[in-house]
Amino acid sequence: MSVFGWFQRAGASGFGYRSTAEDVTRDVDLAGKTILLTGCTSGLGAEALRVLTMRGARVIGTARTLDKARAAGATVAVACELADPASVRACVDAVAREAPLDAIICNAGIMAPAKLELANGLELQFATNHVGHFMLVTGLIERLTERGRVVIVASEGHRFTPKGGIDFDNLDGSRGYSRFRTYGRSKLANVLFAKQLARRFAAAGSARTANALHPGTIATRLTRSSGVATAAAAVVSPLAMKTVGEGAATEVFVATHPSVATVSGEYFDNCNVAKARRLADDVPLAARLWTETEHIVARL
């Protein structure tokens, strides 16, 4: 099969690399559904917001400021600066007053700042991409419907981490900072969190689900600012880069499609179950990350 043919090929789900968020929801009616979406103002978040709303969902959209969330056009706008624990807790309080959630899509994130930045004594990517979403999701677990879904946008970047995966003795970057390895650590944490949450749901006899995903390489503001899109374009034909619609497809698919309503603890790519790095299935590592994150949150 040619490379072009591979890009066009659909997987077992019926969707694939070139499927868009509109494609995967074409036969999905979201009327009466309430979905929380972080990072709704641009890129994949803005496209997910547009398509979810088009399909009838009531979307609670978050952004770093209330004005930005309102400007994005969410049904309900809420401020949520994921690196600020007070902002996350205020968001949890605000969302808890809304209708029960059919899905939480953890879409927001930052990627590979050139220099080490800190938030509350933690490296900024870990604080934002993992700890902030951990606080948000665990704070809203009881607001999920009986079959509610948690969807966490991770990345193939989770493979960038060193052998041990999560260097718990360097969460502040004081023992060295590598922008892409540190980004990879935050994305591995996303996958570990989703899988551990799925285990907890299953152990409690809950029908709720939790999954992580890779959206693909898309030339959004996030990747452009980190230099990822430029680097990718140097080795991959621009034809292989996903559009924003294609990039938003997997998170929207996992959050809404009936065919994956009972699938939990998986890692998705191109709207199909895929294999994450072996370390992502390390149960003791996931359990330790959960405990360590609880300790971090307790002191913030």
Protein backbone atom coordinates (compact mmCIF):
# COMPACT_ATOMS: atom_id res chain seq x y z
CA MET A 1 0.00 0.00 0.00
CA SER A 2 1.31 3.46 -0.86
CA VAL A 3 1.90 6.03 1.88
CA PHE A 4 -0.99 8.03 0.43
CA GLY A 5 -3.21 4.95 0.63
CA TRP A 6 -2.27 4.43 4.29
CA PHE A 7 -3.42 7.95 5.12
CA GLN A 8 -6.78 7.23 3.49
CA ARG A 9 -7.30 3.82 5.12
CA ALA A 10 -10.00 3.43 7.78
CA GLY A 11 -9.44 1.30 10.86
CA ALA A 12 -11.74 -1.13 12.65
CA SER A 13 -13.89 1.78 13.84
CA GLY A 14 -14.66 2.78 10.27
CA PHE A 15 -12.62 5.95 10.69
CA GLY A 16 -8.96 6.76 10.23
CA TYR A 17 -6.20 9.29 9.71
CA ARG A 18 -8.17 11.60 7.45
CA SER A 19 -11.50 11.42 9.30
CA THR A 20 -12.68 14.74 10.69
CA ALA A 21 -14.64 15.61 13.81
CA GLU A 22 -17.65 16.19 11.58
CA ASP A 23 -17.20 12.77 9.98
CA VAL A 24 -17.11 10.86 13.28
CA THR A 25 -20.24 12.57 14.60
CA ARG A 26 -22.29 12.53 11.40
CA ASP A 27 -24.80 10.03 12.82
CA VAL A 28 -24.44 11.08 16.48
CA ASP A 29 -27.21 13.09 18.12
CA LEU A 30 -25.89 14.94 21.17
CA ALA A 31 -29.11 16.75 22.05
CA GLY A 32 -29.54 16.73 25.82
CA LYS A 33 -25.85 15.91 26.44
CA THR A 34 -23.61 18.15 28.55
CA ILE A 35 -19.88 18.05 27.85
CA LEU A 36 -17.06 19.86 29.65
CA LEU A 37 -14.23 20.86 27.29
CA THR A 38 -11.00 22.49 28.47
CA GLY A 39 -9.07 24.79 26.17
CA CYS A 40 -11.98 25.71 23.93
CA THR A 41 -10.61 28.92 22.43
CA SER A 42 -8.36 27.81 19.58
CA GLY A 43 -7.01 24.88 17.60
CA LEU A 44 -8.45 21.47 18.41
CA GLY A 45 -10.52 22.84 21.28
CA ALA A 46 -12.27 25.41 19.11
CA GLU A 47 -13.02 22.79 16.47
CA ALA A 48 -14.29 20.30 19.06
CA LEU A 49 -16.51 23.03 20.52
CA ARG A 50 -17.90 23.87 17.09
CA VAL A 51 -18.71 20.29 16.13
CA LEU A 52 -20.09 19.24 19.53
CA THR A 53 -22.37 22.27 19.51
CA MET A 54 -23.41 21.58 15.92
CA ARG A 55 -24.47 18.07 16.97
CA GLY A 56 -26.63 19.46 19.75
CA ALA A 57 -24.44 19.21 22.84
CA ARG A 58 -24.49 21.73 25.64
CA VAL A 59 -20.79 22.52 25.96
CA ILE A 60 -19.23 23.97 29.08
CA GLY A 61 -16.06 25.49 27.68
CA THR A 62 -13.09 26.58 29.74
CA ALA A 63 -10.27 28.96 28.95
CA ARG A 64 -7.64 30.78 30.96
CA THR A 65 -9.96 33.75 31.41
CA LEU A 66 -13.73 34.11 31.44
CA ASP A 67 -13.62 36.64 28.59
CA LYS A 68 -11.74 34.18 26.36
CA ALA A 69 -14.17 31.37 27.17
CA ARG A 70 -17.12 33.63 26.37
CA ALA A 71 -15.56 34.77 23.11
CA ALA A 72 -15.15 31.14 22.03
CA GLY A 73 -18.93 30.73 22.01
CA ALA A 74 -19.37 27.94 24.55
CA THR A 75 -22.90 27.35 25.84
CA VAL A 76 -21.53 27.95 29.33
CA ALA A 77 -18.19 29.76 29.73
CA VAL A 78 -15.94 29.14 32.73
CA ALA A 79 -12.45 30.38 33.56
CA CYS A 80 -9.92 27.66 34.31
CA GLU A 81 -6.20 28.37 34.44
CA LEU A 82 -4.92 24.83 34.89
CA ALA A 83 -1.61 25.93 36.42
CA ASP A 84 -3.48 27.86 39.15
CA PRO A 85 -5.04 25.57 41.79
CA ALA A 86 -7.41 28.29 42.98
CA SER A 87 -8.71 28.74 39.43
CA VAL A 88 -9.20 24.98 38.97
CA ARG A 89 -11.08 24.71 42.27
CA ALA A 90 -13.29 27.66 41.32
CA CYS A 91 -13.98 25.95 37.98
CA VAL A 92 -14.96 22.73 39.77
CA ASP A 93 -17.35 24.70 41.98
CA ALA A 94 -18.90 26.46 38.98
CA VAL A 95 -19.31 23.30 36.90
CA ALA A 96 -20.77 21.43 39.88
CA ARG A 97 -23.73 23.82 39.71
CA GLU A 98 -24.45 22.84 36.12
CA ALA A 99 -26.18 19.75 34.71
CA PRO A 100 -24.48 16.36 35.20
CA LEU A 101 -21.67 15.74 32.73
CA ASP A 102 -21.88 13.17 29.97
CA ALA A 103 -18.21 13.69 29.16
CA ILE A 104 -15.14 15.61 30.28
CA ILE A 105 -12.66 16.30 27.49
CA CYS A 106 -9.26 17.34 28.85
CA ASN A 107 -8.04 19.11 25.71
CA ALA A 108 -6.06 22.09 27.02
CA GLY A 109 -2.30 21.98 27.42
CA ILE A 110 1.05 23.60 26.82
CA MET A 111 3.94 22.23 24.83
CA ALA A 112 7.70 22.42 25.14
CA PRO A 113 8.53 25.93 26.43
CA ALA A 114 12.10 26.77 25.46
CA LYS A 115 13.08 27.58 29.05
CA LEU A 116 12.15 26.07 32.39
CA GLU A 117 9.05 27.70 33.86
CA LEU A 118 7.51 26.93 37.24
CA ALA A 119 4.02 26.99 38.73
CA ASN A 120 3.67 26.45 42.46
CA GLY A 121 7.09 24.82 42.58
CA LEU A 122 6.34 22.41 39.72
CA GLU A 123 7.60 22.44 36.15
CA LEU A 124 4.88 24.21 34.17
CA GLN A 125 4.01 21.45 31.69
CA PHE A 126 3.57 18.85 34.42
CA ALA A 127 1.57 21.34 36.50
CA THR A 128 -0.72 22.28 33.61
CA ASN A 129 -1.08 19.16 31.53
CA HIS A 130 -1.29 16.65 34.37
CA VAL A 131 -1.86 18.15 37.81
CA GLY A 132 -4.43 20.73 36.69
CA HIS A 133 -6.48 18.16 34.81
CA PHE A 134 -6.12 15.65 37.67
CA MET A 135 -7.62 18.23 40.02
CA LEU A 136 -10.40 19.06 37.61
CA VAL A 137 -11.42 15.49 36.81
CA THR A 138 -11.19 14.11 40.34
CA GLY A 139 -13.10 17.13 41.60
CA LEU A 140 -15.94 16.42 39.18
CA ILE A 141 -16.12 12.60 39.27
CA GLU A 142 -19.42 12.65 41.12
CA ARG A 143 -20.86 15.04 38.53
CA LEU A 144 -20.36 12.48 35.77
CA THR A 145 -23.46 10.65 34.63
CA GLU A 146 -23.74 6.92 35.20
CA ARG A 147 -22.05 6.25 31.85
CA GLY A 148 -20.01 9.44 31.70
CA ARG A 149 -16.72 9.48 29.79
CA VAL A 150 -13.37 11.05 30.68
CA VAL A 151 -11.24 11.77 27.61
CA ILE A 152 -7.67 12.95 28.01
CA VAL A 153 -5.72 14.37 25.10
CA ALA A 154 -2.23 12.96 25.49
CA SER A 155 0.32 12.59 22.68
CA GLU A 156 2.75 10.23 21.01
CA GLY A 157 5.17 12.53 22.79
CA HIS A 158 4.65 10.27 25.81
CA ARG A 159 7.34 8.10 24.20
CA PHE A 160 9.96 10.87 24.63
CA THR A 161 10.44 10.19 28.32
CA PRO A 162 13.55 8.46 29.71
CA LYS A 163 13.50 4.78 30.68
CA GLY A 164 11.92 5.34 34.09
CA GLY A 165 9.12 7.45 32.65
CA ILE A 166 8.27 9.77 35.54
CA ASP A 167 11.28 11.26 37.33
CA PHE A 168 9.52 12.00 40.61
CA ASP A 169 12.69 13.56 42.07
CA ASN A 170 12.76 16.21 39.34
CA LEU A 171 9.20 17.50 39.08
CA ASP A 172 10.51 21.04 39.54
CA GLY A 173 13.15 20.72 36.83
CA SER A 174 15.95 21.59 39.26
CA ARG A 175 17.96 18.52 38.19
CA GLY A 176 17.76 19.37 34.53
CA TYR A 177 15.23 20.51 31.96
CA SER A 178 14.73 19.11 28.47
CA ARG A 179 11.75 20.74 26.82
CA PHE A 180 10.62 17.67 24.86
CA ARG A 181 11.42 15.04 27.47
CA THR A 182 9.59 17.11 30.05
CA TYR A 183 6.65 17.49 27.69
CA GLY A 184 6.77 13.73 27.18
CA ARG A 185 6.66 13.19 30.94
CA SER A 186 3.48 15.25 31.21
CA LYS A 187 1.90 13.31 28.35
CA LEU A 188 2.90 9.94 29.83
CA ALA A 189 1.30 11.16 33.05
CA ASN A 190 -1.89 11.84 31.04
CA VAL A 191 -1.96 8.25 29.76
CA LEU A 192 -1.14 6.74 33.15
CA PHE A 193 -3.86 8.85 34.78
CA ALA A 194 -6.50 7.79 32.25
CA LYS A 195 -5.65 4.12 32.63
CA GLN A 196 -5.57 4.29 36.43
CA LEU A 197 -8.88 6.14 36.49
CA ALA A 198 -10.34 3.40 34.27
CA ARG A 199 -9.12 0.78 36.76
CA ARG A 200 -10.74 2.67 39.61
CA PHE A 201 -14.04 2.92 37.74
CA ALA A 202 -13.95 -0.82 37.06
CA ALA A 203 -13.08 -1.68 40.67
CA ALA A 204 -16.02 0.40 41.88
CA GLY A 205 -18.37 -1.35 39.47
CA SER A 206 -18.96 1.89 37.59
CA ALA A 207 -19.93 2.04 33.92
CA ARG A 208 -18.01 5.31 33.54
CA THR A 209 -15.01 5.20 31.22
CA ALA A 210 -11.63 6.87 30.92
CA ASN A 211 -9.36 6.88 27.87
CA ALA A 212 -6.37 8.78 26.51
CA LEU A 213 -5.51 9.64 22.91
CA HIS A 214 -3.04 11.06 20.44
CA PRO A 215 -4.59 13.73 18.18
CA GLY A 216 -1.89 13.67 15.50
CA THR A 217 0.54 16.29 14.27
CA ILE A 218 -1.38 19.44 13.47
CA ALA A 219 -0.07 22.91 12.67
CA THR A 220 -1.96 24.65 15.47
CA ARG A 221 -0.79 27.61 17.55
CA LEU A 222 0.37 25.13 20.20
CA THR A 223 2.71 23.21 17.92
CA ARG A 224 3.88 26.30 16.04
CA SER A 225 4.89 28.03 19.27
CA SER A 226 6.88 24.99 20.38
CA GLY A 227 8.57 24.50 17.01
CA VAL A 228 7.05 21.03 16.59
CA ALA A 229 5.18 21.80 13.38
CA THR A 230 8.30 23.28 11.81
CA ALA A 231 10.39 20.27 12.80
CA ALA A 232 7.73 17.83 11.58
CA ALA A 233 7.42 19.59 8.24
CA ALA A 234 11.16 19.18 7.73
CA VAL A 235 10.87 15.37 7.76
CA VAL A 236 7.25 14.74 6.82
CA SER A 237 5.40 15.97 3.76
CA PRO A 238 2.94 18.75 4.59
CA LEU A 239 0.33 16.44 3.07
CA ALA A 240 0.82 14.17 6.09
CA MET A 241 0.04 16.93 8.58
CA LYS A 242 -3.50 16.77 9.88
CA THR A 243 -5.96 19.60 9.53
CA VAL A 244 -7.57 20.94 12.69
CA GLY A 245 -10.73 19.05 11.82
CA GLU A 246 -8.78 15.81 11.50
CA GLY A 247 -6.86 16.51 14.68
CA ALA A 248 -10.04 17.05 16.71
CA ALA A 249 -11.63 13.86 15.37
CA THR A 250 -10.22 11.37 17.87
CA GLU A 251 -11.11 13.29 21.02
CA VAL A 252 -14.63 13.93 19.74
CA PHE A 253 -14.98 10.29 18.65
CA VAL A 254 -13.90 8.89 22.02
CA ALA A 255 -16.16 11.33 23.89
CA THR A 256 -19.32 10.75 21.87
CA HIS A 257 -19.44 7.76 19.54
CA PRO A 258 -21.78 4.93 20.59
CA SER A 259 -19.32 2.25 19.43
CA VAL A 260 -16.87 3.09 22.23
CA ALA A 261 -19.38 3.78 25.00
CA THR A 262 -18.07 0.86 27.06
CA VAL A 263 -14.40 0.99 26.04
CA SER A 264 -12.17 2.07 28.93
CA GLY A 265 -8.49 2.19 29.84
CA GLU A 266 -7.33 2.43 26.23
CA TYR A 267 -5.10 4.69 24.16
CA PHE A 268 -6.55 5.88 20.86
CA ASP A 269 -4.93 7.15 17.68
CA ASN A 270 -6.72 8.00 14.42
CA CYS A 271 -10.09 7.10 16.04
CA ASN A 272 -8.97 3.54 16.77
CA VAL A 273 -7.50 1.73 19.76
CA ALA A 274 -3.71 1.83 19.50
CA LYS A 275 -0.68 0.67 21.48
CA ALA A 276 0.86 3.14 23.88
CA ARG A 277 4.38 2.74 25.16
CA ARG A 278 4.69 -0.37 27.36
CA LEU A 279 5.41 1.84 30.36
CA ALA A 280 1.90 3.28 30.04
CA ASP A 281 0.55 -0.05 31.32
CA ASP A 282 2.85 -0.13 34.37
CA VAL A 283 0.26 -0.45 37.14
CA PRO A 284 2.61 0.30 40.08
CA LEU A 285 3.88 3.41 38.26
CA ALA A 286 0.32 4.60 37.62
CA ALA A 287 -0.63 3.98 41.24
CA ARG A 288 2.41 5.88 42.47
CA LEU A 289 1.67 8.78 40.13
CA TRP A 290 -1.88 8.95 41.47
CA THR A 291 -0.67 8.97 45.09
CA GLU A 292 2.10 11.50 44.45
CA THR A 293 -0.34 13.77 42.61
CA GLU A 294 -2.80 13.57 45.50
CA HIS A 295 0.01 14.68 47.83
CA ILE A 296 0.89 17.55 45.49
CA VAL A 297 -2.74 18.69 45.28
CA ALA A 298 -3.17 18.49 49.06
CA ARG A 299 -0.41 21.05 49.61
CA LEU A 300 -1.40 23.45 46.82
